Amino acid sequence: MLVLAEAGIELVPQKLWRHPAVRSSAARRGKKPSEILLDVSLHHHAMLGLRDREKRGRPDITHVCLLVALSSMLNRVGLLDVHVYTYRGVWIGVSRETRLPRNYNRFVGLVEQLLLRGKVPPDSDRPLLWARRSSFKEGLRKISGSRVVLLDEKGTAIHPRNLGRVLTGEKRPVVVVGAFQRGDFSREIKESANDIVSIAPFPLDAWAVVARVIASVEDELNVYGKILNKE
C-alpha cells in the first residue's frame, strides 16, 4: 500500500474566505470561497499567516504522485492500493479503477467535489474516490498494514533495490511518502512508522520517490516478466 501523507489538499479555511485573492479566484470559477481548494499559486498572499503554510496549498503534488502510481504496472496488475492522508486529517481512498484527469484544473474540480460530498461520483455505491476524517493511526489500523515504512531523507539509508526486497517480504507493507513541498512529518506520523528510511542522500520530489519505490517492487516481483508471459 502507498500512503501519500500530509498532502497539501484542503478547502480554503474560513479565516481566509474574505481575502481578496480567495474571493477573486472563487468568483472566476463561479464558486463560493468555501468551495474551492487552497492553492498557493493563487492564494500565496492569503496564506502568509497560516500555520505550516509551507506544507499546504499544493494539490499539484498529490495529482502528479497519483498519476504516477495509478499508471504503474504494479497498479495495472492489481497489486497496489493507494491512499491519501491530508494535512487537515482526511483519509482519501482511491479505487484501482480510478482514471484521474490528466488536466490539473479538472483534478481540482474533482477533489473539491470529493471534499464537499464525501465521495466521487456522489451518488455511487462503488465510488472511485471517497473521503473520511480520522487520525493517521486510526486510518492505518483500518487498512491493516503489516509493516509501515516511512520515506524521509533523514532516515536510515537503504538502496531502493533492497527496499523493494524488504517490502515484498511483508504480507501487507505500507509505504508512506510525504506529499508536501517543505517541512517535516508530524510527530504522529513518525511514531506510526516501524522504519524510517531514505533512498537518496538528498531530498527528492515526492513523485520521484513514488516512481522509484514502485519500480523497485515491480522489479523484485518480476511484474514485467509475468505480464510478458501472459501475452
Foldseek 3Di string as FASTA:
>chain_A
DEEAEQAQWDQDDPVLQPPPLLCVVQVVVVHGSRLFIQACVRCVVSCPPPPPSQFHRCVVLVVLLCQLVLPDLCLVVPNDWYWYAHNVAKIKGADSPDDADPDPVSNRNQVSCCVVQQFPVNPDPDGRMGMDGDHPLVVCVVVDAPFEEEEDLPFAEDALLVVLVVQVVGPGYYYYFHSGRDDDDDPVVVVNHPGYYYNDNDDDRRNVVSNSNVVSNCVVVVSVVVVVVVD
